[in-house]
Amino acid sequence: MKNFFKTLLSAAAVGFTLFSFNASAAVDMTDPYKMVDAVAQKTFSDLKANKDKLSDVAFRKQLIREDLMPYVDTAYAAYSVMGQYAKNATKEERSAFTEAFGEYIVATYADALGKYNNQELVSPAYEKVGAKETMVSTKFLIREPQKQDLEVVFKLRKNSKTGEWKAFDMVAEGISMLSAKQSELTPLIRTKGVSGVTELLKEHNESLNTAPIGQAK
């Protein structure tokens, strides 16, 4: 079970988070606990229903694009990775990086889903979130017979304009996916610039390689 999440975290990324549900489905995104629980539960249901297809990288990527990414705050995560270098990039360069980074996250999750092996999800107790709250962390347990439960914390952020919540990070075994992505990509941005790393991401995304940039797969 731990290898399932260690692979995800070593590949690193945001929030990123194991969510599912088509964007058109009735998910209450104004309530972070209801949203994250509904999406996470559906994800695990989909994984169980499609175990025979999970060896197909293209299938895993498509599942994530349709089910996961509508609930990930890709822009917030991308700007966190660009950090101080975002201000020296043009609007077009920042937009291109965000798009390429989002697809890079798809590959990250595709790698993780390939390690799924009938784990079960235990939801957190529901908590009412105040109207003024803008950041929330929810803790799930990933359970596998005869193994210690694994704590997974999803971090969510409220959009001040829409009032909707999206995930921007996941922490498992004390490792933040967002921090890992920053460690992986920010040094490259420092030397190659935002546009340079965008091109690296695009090239990587076009392949079936689901490992982090620079790692053979």
C-alpha atoms as a PDB file:
ATOM      1  CA  MET A   1       0.000   0.000   0.000  1.00  0.00           C
ATOM      2  CA  LYS A   2       2.731   2.472   0.905  1.00  0.00           C
ATOM      3  CA  ASN A   3       4.472   1.822  -2.407  1.00  0.00           C
ATOM      4  CA  PHE A   4       1.296   3.010  -4.136  1.00  0.00           C
ATOM      5  CA  PHE A   5       1.613   6.436  -2.544  1.00  0.00           C
ATOM      6  CA  LYS A   6       5.409   6.567  -2.429  1.00  0.00           C
ATOM      7  CA  THR A   7       5.437   6.247  -6.202  1.00  0.00           C
ATOM      8  CA  LEU A   8       2.950   9.079  -6.452  1.00  0.00           C
ATOM      9  CA  LEU A   9       4.928  11.311  -4.141  1.00  0.00           C
ATOM     10  CA  SER A  10       8.322  10.577  -5.661  1.00  0.00           C
ATOM     11  CA  ALA A  11       6.873  11.608  -8.999  1.00  0.00           C
ATOM     12  CA  ALA A  12       5.547  14.601  -7.059  1.00  0.00           C
ATOM     13  CA  ALA A  13       2.865  17.097  -7.819  1.00  0.00           C
ATOM     14  CA  VAL A  14      -0.019  18.955  -6.544  1.00  0.00           C
ATOM     15  CA  GLY A  15      -2.990  18.117  -5.545  1.00  0.00           C
ATOM     16  CA  PHE A  16      -3.212  17.256  -6.194  1.00  0.00           C
ATOM     17  CA  THR A  17      -5.505  14.393  -4.866  1.00  0.00           C
ATOM     18  CA  LEU A  18      -7.237  11.263  -6.008  1.00  0.00           C
ATOM     19  CA  PHE A  19     -10.591  12.661  -7.005  1.00  0.00           C
ATOM     20  CA  SER A  20     -13.143  11.510  -9.520  1.00  0.00           C
ATOM     21  CA  PHE A  21     -16.481  12.532 -10.992  1.00  0.00           C
ATOM     22  CA  ASN A  22     -17.185  14.054 -14.340  1.00  0.00           C
ATOM     23  CA  ALA A  23     -17.242  17.853 -14.277  1.00  0.00           C
ATOM     24  CA  SER A  24     -20.925  17.787 -15.160  1.00  0.00           C
ATOM     25  CA  ALA A  25     -21.790  15.590 -12.175  1.00  0.00           C
ATOM     26  CA  ALA A  26     -23.622  17.122  -9.227  1.00  0.00           C
ATOM     27  CA  VAL A  27     -20.715  17.739  -6.877  1.00  0.00           C
ATOM     28  CA  ASP A  28     -21.193  20.471  -4.284  1.00  0.00           C
ATOM     29  CA  MET A  29     -17.957  22.386  -4.672  1.00  0.00           C
ATOM     30  CA  THR A  30     -19.061  25.038  -2.158  1.00  0.00           C
ATOM     31  CA  ASP A  31     -18.612  22.539   0.695  1.00  0.00           C
ATOM     32  CA  PRO A  32     -15.015  21.234   0.851  1.00  0.00           C
ATOM     33  CA  TYR A  33     -15.807  18.159   2.962  1.00  0.00           C
ATOM     34  CA  LYS A  34     -18.710  17.053   0.796  1.00  0.00           C
ATOM     35  CA  MET A  35     -16.766  17.726  -2.368  1.00  0.00           C
ATOM     36  CA  VAL A  36     -13.566  15.964  -1.433  1.00  0.00           C
ATOM     37  CA  ASP A  37     -15.381  12.957   0.018  1.00  0.00           C
ATOM     38  CA  ALA A  38     -17.711  12.533  -2.956  1.00  0.00           C
ATOM     39  CA  VAL A  39     -14.895  12.804  -5.452  1.00  0.00           C
ATOM     40  CA  ALA A  40     -12.487  10.565  -3.535  1.00  0.00           C
ATOM     41  CA  GLN A  41     -15.093   7.868  -2.994  1.00  0.00           C
ATOM     42  CA  LYS A  42     -16.025   7.875  -6.668  1.00  0.00           C
ATOM     43  CA  THR A  43     -12.356   7.632  -7.636  1.00  0.00           C
ATOM     44  CA  PHE A  44     -11.839   4.475  -5.640  1.00  0.00           C
ATOM     45  CA  SER A  45     -15.052   3.056  -7.066  1.00  0.00           C
ATOM     46  CA  ASP A  46     -13.806   3.764 -10.586  1.00  0.00           C
ATOM     47  CA  LEU A  47     -10.446   2.184  -9.827  1.00  0.00           C
ATOM     48  CA  LYS A  48     -12.098  -1.006  -8.644  1.00  0.00           C
ATOM     49  CA  ALA A  49     -14.392  -1.097 -11.660  1.00  0.00           C
ATOM     50  CA  ASN A  50     -11.529  -0.672 -14.125  1.00  0.00           C
ATOM     51  CA  LYS A  51      -8.750  -2.764 -12.590  1.00  0.00           C
ATOM     52  CA  ASP A  52      -8.352  -4.685 -15.830  1.00  0.00           C
ATOM     53  CA  LYS A  53      -7.628  -1.449 -17.739  1.00  0.00           C
ATOM     54  CA  LEU A  54      -5.143   0.170 -15.375  1.00  0.00           C
ATOM     55  CA  SER A  55      -2.145  -1.290 -17.186  1.00  0.00           C
ATOM     56  CA  ASP A  56      -2.990   1.032 -20.092  1.00  0.00           C
ATOM     57  CA  VAL A  57      -1.265   4.389 -19.567  1.00  0.00           C
ATOM     58  CA  ALA A  58      -3.502   6.155 -22.082  1.00  0.00           C
ATOM     59  CA  PHE A  59      -6.610   4.917 -20.268  1.00  0.00           C
ATOM     60  CA  ARG A  60      -5.294   6.082 -16.890  1.00  0.00           C
ATOM     61  CA  LYS A  61      -4.450   9.507 -18.271  1.00  0.00           C
ATOM     62  CA  GLN A  62      -7.884   9.925 -19.821  1.00  0.00           C
ATOM     63  CA  LEU A  63      -9.616   8.876 -16.605  1.00  0.00           C
ATOM     64  CA  ILE A  64      -7.654  11.495 -14.709  1.00  0.00           C
ATOM     65  CA  ARG A  65      -8.292  14.262 -17.244  1.00  0.00           C
ATOM     66  CA  GLU A  66     -12.016  13.695 -17.111  1.00  0.00           C
ATOM     67  CA  ASP A  67     -12.485  12.808 -13.467  1.00  0.00           C
ATOM     68  CA  LEU A  68      -9.697  14.374 -11.454  1.00  0.00           C
ATOM     69  CA  MET A  69      -8.530  17.577 -13.050  1.00  0.00           C
ATOM     70  CA  PRO A  70     -11.805  19.566 -12.761  1.00  0.00           C
ATOM     71  CA  TYR A  71     -11.256  19.466  -8.987  1.00  0.00           C
ATOM     72  CA  VAL A  72      -7.576  20.416  -8.926  1.00  0.00           C
ATOM     73  CA  ASP A  73      -6.508  24.045  -8.656  1.00  0.00           C
ATOM     74  CA  THR A  74      -3.906  23.728 -11.392  1.00  0.00           C
ATOM     75  CA  ALA A  75      -3.304  27.461 -11.692  1.00  0.00           C
ATOM     76  CA  TYR A  76      -2.603  27.918  -7.979  1.00  0.00           C
ATOM     77  CA  ALA A  77      -0.215  24.969  -8.006  1.00  0.00           C
ATOM     78  CA  ALA A  78       1.527  26.117 -11.177  1.00  0.00           C
ATOM     79  CA  TYR A  79       2.089  29.624  -9.830  1.00  0.00           C
ATOM     80  CA  SER A  80       3.413  28.135  -6.598  1.00  0.00           C
ATOM     81  CA  VAL A  81       5.973  26.210  -8.628  1.00  0.00           C
ATOM     82  CA  MET A  82       6.940  29.235 -10.740  1.00  0.00           C
ATOM     83  CA  GLY A  83       7.304  31.294  -7.558  1.00  0.00           C
ATOM     84  CA  GLN A  84       9.267  34.516  -7.978  1.00  0.00           C
ATOM     85  CA  TYR A  85      10.005  33.677 -11.599  1.00  0.00           C
ATOM     86  CA  ALA A  86       6.366  34.140 -12.570  1.00  0.00           C
ATOM     87  CA  LYS A  87       6.657  37.927 -12.369  1.00  0.00           C
ATOM     88  CA  ASN A  88       9.416  37.960 -14.996  1.00  0.00           C
ATOM     89  CA  ALA A  89       7.366  35.872 -17.419  1.00  0.00           C
ATOM     90  CA  THR A  90       4.735  37.232 -19.764  1.00  0.00           C
ATOM     91  CA  LYS A  91       1.043  36.472 -19.330  1.00  0.00           C
ATOM     92  CA  GLU A  92       1.243  34.123 -22.296  1.00  0.00           C
ATOM     93  CA  GLU A  93       4.266  32.309 -20.847  1.00  0.00           C
ATOM     94  CA  ARG A  94       2.551  31.841 -17.496  1.00  0.00           C
ATOM     95  CA  SER A  95      -0.587  30.532 -19.210  1.00  0.00           C
ATOM     96  CA  ALA A  96       1.402  28.087 -21.339  1.00  0.00           C
ATOM     97  CA  PHE A  97       3.296  26.832 -18.293  1.00  0.00           C
ATOM     98  CA  THR A  98       0.061  26.324 -16.349  1.00  0.00           C
ATOM     99  CA  GLU A  99      -1.433  24.282 -19.187  1.00  0.00           C
ATOM    100  CA  ALA A 100       1.679  22.130 -19.607  1.00  0.00           C
ATOM    101  CA  PHE A 101       2.013  21.715 -15.857  1.00  0.00           C
ATOM    102  CA  GLY A 102      -1.582  20.502 -15.616  1.00  0.00           C
ATOM    103  CA  GLU A 103      -0.931  17.787 -18.181  1.00  0.00           C
ATOM    104  CA  TYR A 104       2.274  16.889 -16.333  1.00  0.00           C
ATOM    105  CA  ILE A 105       0.144  16.293 -13.253  1.00  0.00           C
ATOM    106  CA  VAL A 106      -1.995  13.939 -15.308  1.00  0.00           C
ATOM    107  CA  ALA A 107       1.101  11.829 -15.979  1.00  0.00           C
ATOM    108  CA  THR A 108       1.993  11.880 -12.301  1.00  0.00           C
ATOM    109  CA  TYR A 109      -1.359  10.472 -11.307  1.00  0.00           C
ATOM    110  CA  ALA A 110      -1.313   7.999 -14.162  1.00  0.00           C
ATOM    111  CA  ASP A 111       1.857   6.560 -12.666  1.00  0.00           C
ATOM    112  CA  ALA A 112       0.237   6.318  -9.240  1.00  0.00           C
ATOM    113  CA  LEU A 113      -2.982   4.711 -10.453  1.00  0.00           C
ATOM    114  CA  GLY A 114      -0.970   1.963 -12.067  1.00  0.00           C
ATOM    115  CA  LYS A 115       0.007   0.862  -8.549  1.00  0.00           C
ATOM    116  CA  TYR A 116      -3.583   0.528  -7.313  1.00  0.00           C
ATOM    117  CA  ASN A 117      -4.225  -2.815  -5.608  1.00  0.00           C
ATOM    118  CA  ASN A 118      -7.684  -2.846  -3.989  1.00  0.00           C
ATOM    119  CA  GLN A 119      -6.940  -0.341  -1.243  1.00  0.00           C
ATOM    120  CA  GLU A 120      -9.972   1.053   0.582  1.00  0.00           C
ATOM    121  CA  LEU A 121     -10.707   4.652   1.485  1.00  0.00           C
ATOM    122  CA  VAL A 122     -11.881   5.728   4.942  1.00  0.00           C
ATOM    123  CA  SER A 123     -13.452   9.191   4.897  1.00  0.00           C
ATOM    124  CA  PRO A 124     -12.909  11.882   7.557  1.00  0.00           C
ATOM    125  CA  ALA A 125     -15.716  12.897   9.889  1.00  0.00           C
ATOM    126  CA  TYR A 126     -17.719  15.743   8.376  1.00  0.00           C
ATOM    127  CA  GLU A 127     -16.953  19.224   9.673  1.00  0.00           C
ATOM    128  CA  LYS A 128     -18.842  22.417   8.971  1.00  0.00           C
ATOM    129  CA  VAL A 129     -16.507  25.006   7.480  1.00  0.00           C
ATOM    130  CA  GLY A 130     -17.055  28.672   8.302  1.00  0.00           C
ATOM    131  CA  ALA A 131     -17.858  31.117   5.517  1.00  0.00           C
ATOM    132  CA  LYS A 132     -14.647  33.047   6.169  1.00  0.00           C
ATOM    133  CA  GLU A 133     -12.381  30.014   5.860  1.00  0.00           C
ATOM    134  CA  THR A 134     -10.220  29.925   2.727  1.00  0.00           C
ATOM    135  CA  MET A 135      -7.968  26.904   3.383  1.00  0.00           C
ATOM    136  CA  VAL A 136      -8.999  23.464   4.651  1.00  0.00           C
ATOM    137  CA  SER A 137      -7.172  20.178   5.234  1.00  0.00           C
ATOM    138  CA  THR A 138      -9.046  16.875   5.267  1.00  0.00           C
ATOM    139  CA  LYS A 139      -7.498  13.606   6.423  1.00  0.00           C
ATOM    140  CA  PHE A 140      -8.403  10.271   4.854  1.00  0.00           C
ATOM    141  CA  LEU A 141      -7.131   6.810   5.704  1.00  0.00           C
ATOM    142  CA  ILE A 142      -6.016   4.387   3.018  1.00  0.00           C
ATOM    143  CA  ARG A 143      -6.633   0.866   4.286  1.00  0.00           C
ATOM    144  CA  GLU A 144      -5.248  -2.463   3.151  1.00  0.00           C
ATOM    145  CA  PRO A 145      -5.642  -5.792   4.998  1.00  0.00           C
ATOM    146  CA  GLN A 146      -2.819  -6.705   7.370  1.00  0.00           C
ATOM    147  CA  LYS A 147      -1.077  -3.376   6.851  1.00  0.00           C
ATOM    148  CA  GLN A 148      -0.968  -0.163   8.853  1.00  0.00           C
ATOM    149  CA  ASP A 149      -3.401   2.520   7.755  1.00  0.00           C
ATOM    150  CA  LEU A 150      -1.848   5.308   5.723  1.00  0.00           C
ATOM    151  CA  GLU A 151      -2.895   8.888   6.459  1.00  0.00           C
ATOM    152  CA  VAL A 152      -3.441  11.082   3.428  1.00  0.00           C
ATOM    153  CA  VAL A 153      -4.196  14.776   3.879  1.00  0.00           C
ATOM    154  CA  PHE A 154      -5.825  16.716   1.082  1.00  0.00           C
ATOM    155  CA  LYS A 155      -5.366  20.477   1.131  1.00  0.00           C
ATOM    156  CA  LEU A 156      -8.083  22.576  -0.445  1.00  0.00           C
ATOM    157  CA  ARG A 157      -8.387  26.235  -1.301  1.00  0.00           C
ATOM    158  CA  LYS A 158     -11.501  28.367  -1.722  1.00  0.00           C
ATOM    159  CA  ASN A 159     -11.803  30.564  -4.798  1.00  0.00           C
ATOM    160  CA  SER A 160     -12.749  34.023  -3.525  1.00  0.00           C
ATOM    161  CA  LYS A 161     -14.696  34.829  -6.694  1.00  0.00           C
ATOM    162  CA  THR A 162     -16.671  31.626  -7.259  1.00  0.00           C
ATOM    163  CA  GLY A 163     -16.844  30.317  -3.690  1.00  0.00           C
ATOM    164  CA  GLU A 164     -15.806  26.886  -4.992  1.00  0.00           C
ATOM    165  CA  TRP A 165     -13.188  24.670  -3.379  1.00  0.00           C
ATOM    166  CA  LYS A 166     -10.439  22.818  -5.219  1.00  0.00           C
ATOM    167  CA  ALA A 167      -7.494  20.720  -4.120  1.00  0.00           C
ATOM    168  CA  PHE A 168      -3.978  22.054  -4.501  1.00  0.00           C
ATOM    169  CA  ASP A 169      -1.864  19.584  -2.518  1.00  0.00           C
ATOM    170  CA  MET A 170      -1.750  16.127  -0.995  1.00  0.00           C
ATOM    171  CA  VAL A 171       0.450  15.083   1.928  1.00  0.00           C
ATOM    172  CA  ALA A 172       1.178  11.415   2.585  1.00  0.00           C
ATOM    173  CA  GLU A 173       3.746  10.099   5.053  1.00  0.00           C
ATOM    174  CA  GLY A 174       4.685  13.707   5.739  1.00  0.00           C
ATOM    175  CA  ILE A 175       5.588  14.401   2.110  1.00  0.00           C
ATOM    176  CA  SER A 176       3.878  17.269   0.314  1.00  0.00           C
ATOM    177  CA  MET A 177       3.320  16.728  -3.370  1.00  0.00           C
ATOM    178  CA  LEU A 178       3.366  20.458  -4.061  1.00  0.00           C
ATOM    179  CA  SER A 179       6.663  20.892  -2.235  1.00  0.00           C
ATOM    180  CA  ALA A 180       8.092  17.950  -4.155  1.00  0.00           C
ATOM    181  CA  LYS A 181       7.075  19.508  -7.477  1.00  0.00           C
ATOM    182  CA  GLN A 182       8.638  22.794  -6.425  1.00  0.00           C
ATOM    183  CA  SER A 183      11.890  21.001  -5.597  1.00  0.00           C
ATOM    184  CA  GLU A 184      11.796  19.240  -8.949  1.00  0.00           C
ATOM    185  CA  LEU A 185      10.889  22.088 -11.298  1.00  0.00           C
ATOM    186  CA  THR A 186      11.857  25.377  -9.651  1.00  0.00           C
ATOM    187  CA  PRO A 187      15.628  24.799 -10.108  1.00  0.00           C
ATOM    188  CA  LEU A 188      14.976  24.112 -13.801  1.00  0.00           C
ATOM    189  CA  ILE A 189      12.968  27.327 -14.074  1.00  0.00           C
ATOM    190  CA  ARG A 190      15.859  29.185 -12.477  1.00  0.00           C
ATOM    191  CA  THR A 191      18.243  28.085 -15.229  1.00  0.00           C
ATOM    192  CA  LYS A 192      15.957  27.670 -18.252  1.00  0.00           C
ATOM    193  CA  GLY A 193      13.210  30.158 -17.493  1.00  0.00           C
ATOM    194  CA  VAL A 194       9.461  29.580 -17.442  1.00  0.00           C
ATOM    195  CA  SER A 195       9.194  29.157 -21.215  1.00  0.00           C
ATOM    196  CA  GLY A 196      12.155  26.778 -21.301  1.00  0.00           C
ATOM    197  CA  VAL A 197      10.623  24.481 -18.704  1.00  0.00           C
ATOM    198  CA  THR A 198       7.270  24.706 -20.477  1.00  0.00           C
ATOM    199  CA  GLU A 199       8.903  23.204 -23.567  1.00  0.00           C
ATOM    200  CA  LEU A 200      10.435  20.436 -21.443  1.00  0.00           C
ATOM    201  CA  LEU A 201       7.024  19.674 -19.978  1.00  0.00           C
ATOM    202  CA  LYS A 202       5.358  19.628 -23.390  1.00  0.00           C
ATOM    203  CA  GLU A 203       7.952  17.209 -24.748  1.00  0.00           C
ATOM    204  CA  HIS A 204       7.540  15.005 -21.701  1.00  0.00           C
ATOM    205  CA  ASN A 205       3.759  15.121 -21.921  1.00  0.00           C
ATOM    206  CA  GLU A 206       3.767  13.943 -25.520  1.00  0.00           C
ATOM    207  CA  SER A 207       5.459  10.709 -24.502  1.00  0.00           C
ATOM    208  CA  LEU A 208       3.966   7.839 -22.509  1.00  0.00           C
ATOM    209  CA  ASN A 209       6.582   8.383 -19.828  1.00  0.00           C
ATOM    210  CA  THR A 210       4.830   8.884 -16.476  1.00  0.00           C
ATOM    211  CA  ALA A 211       8.022   9.306 -14.441  1.00  0.00           C
ATOM    212  CA  PRO A 212       9.309  12.763 -13.434  1.00  0.00           C
ATOM    213  CA  ILE A 213      11.386  14.724 -15.956  1.00  0.00           C
ATOM    214  CA  GLY A 214      14.908  13.374 -16.175  1.00  0.00           C
ATOM    215  CA  GLN A 215      14.040   9.906 -14.900  1.00  0.00           C
ATOM    216  CA  ALA A 216      13.989   7.018 -17.341  1.00  0.00           C
ATOM    217  CA  LYS A 217      10.876   4.867 -17.320  1.00  0.00           C
END
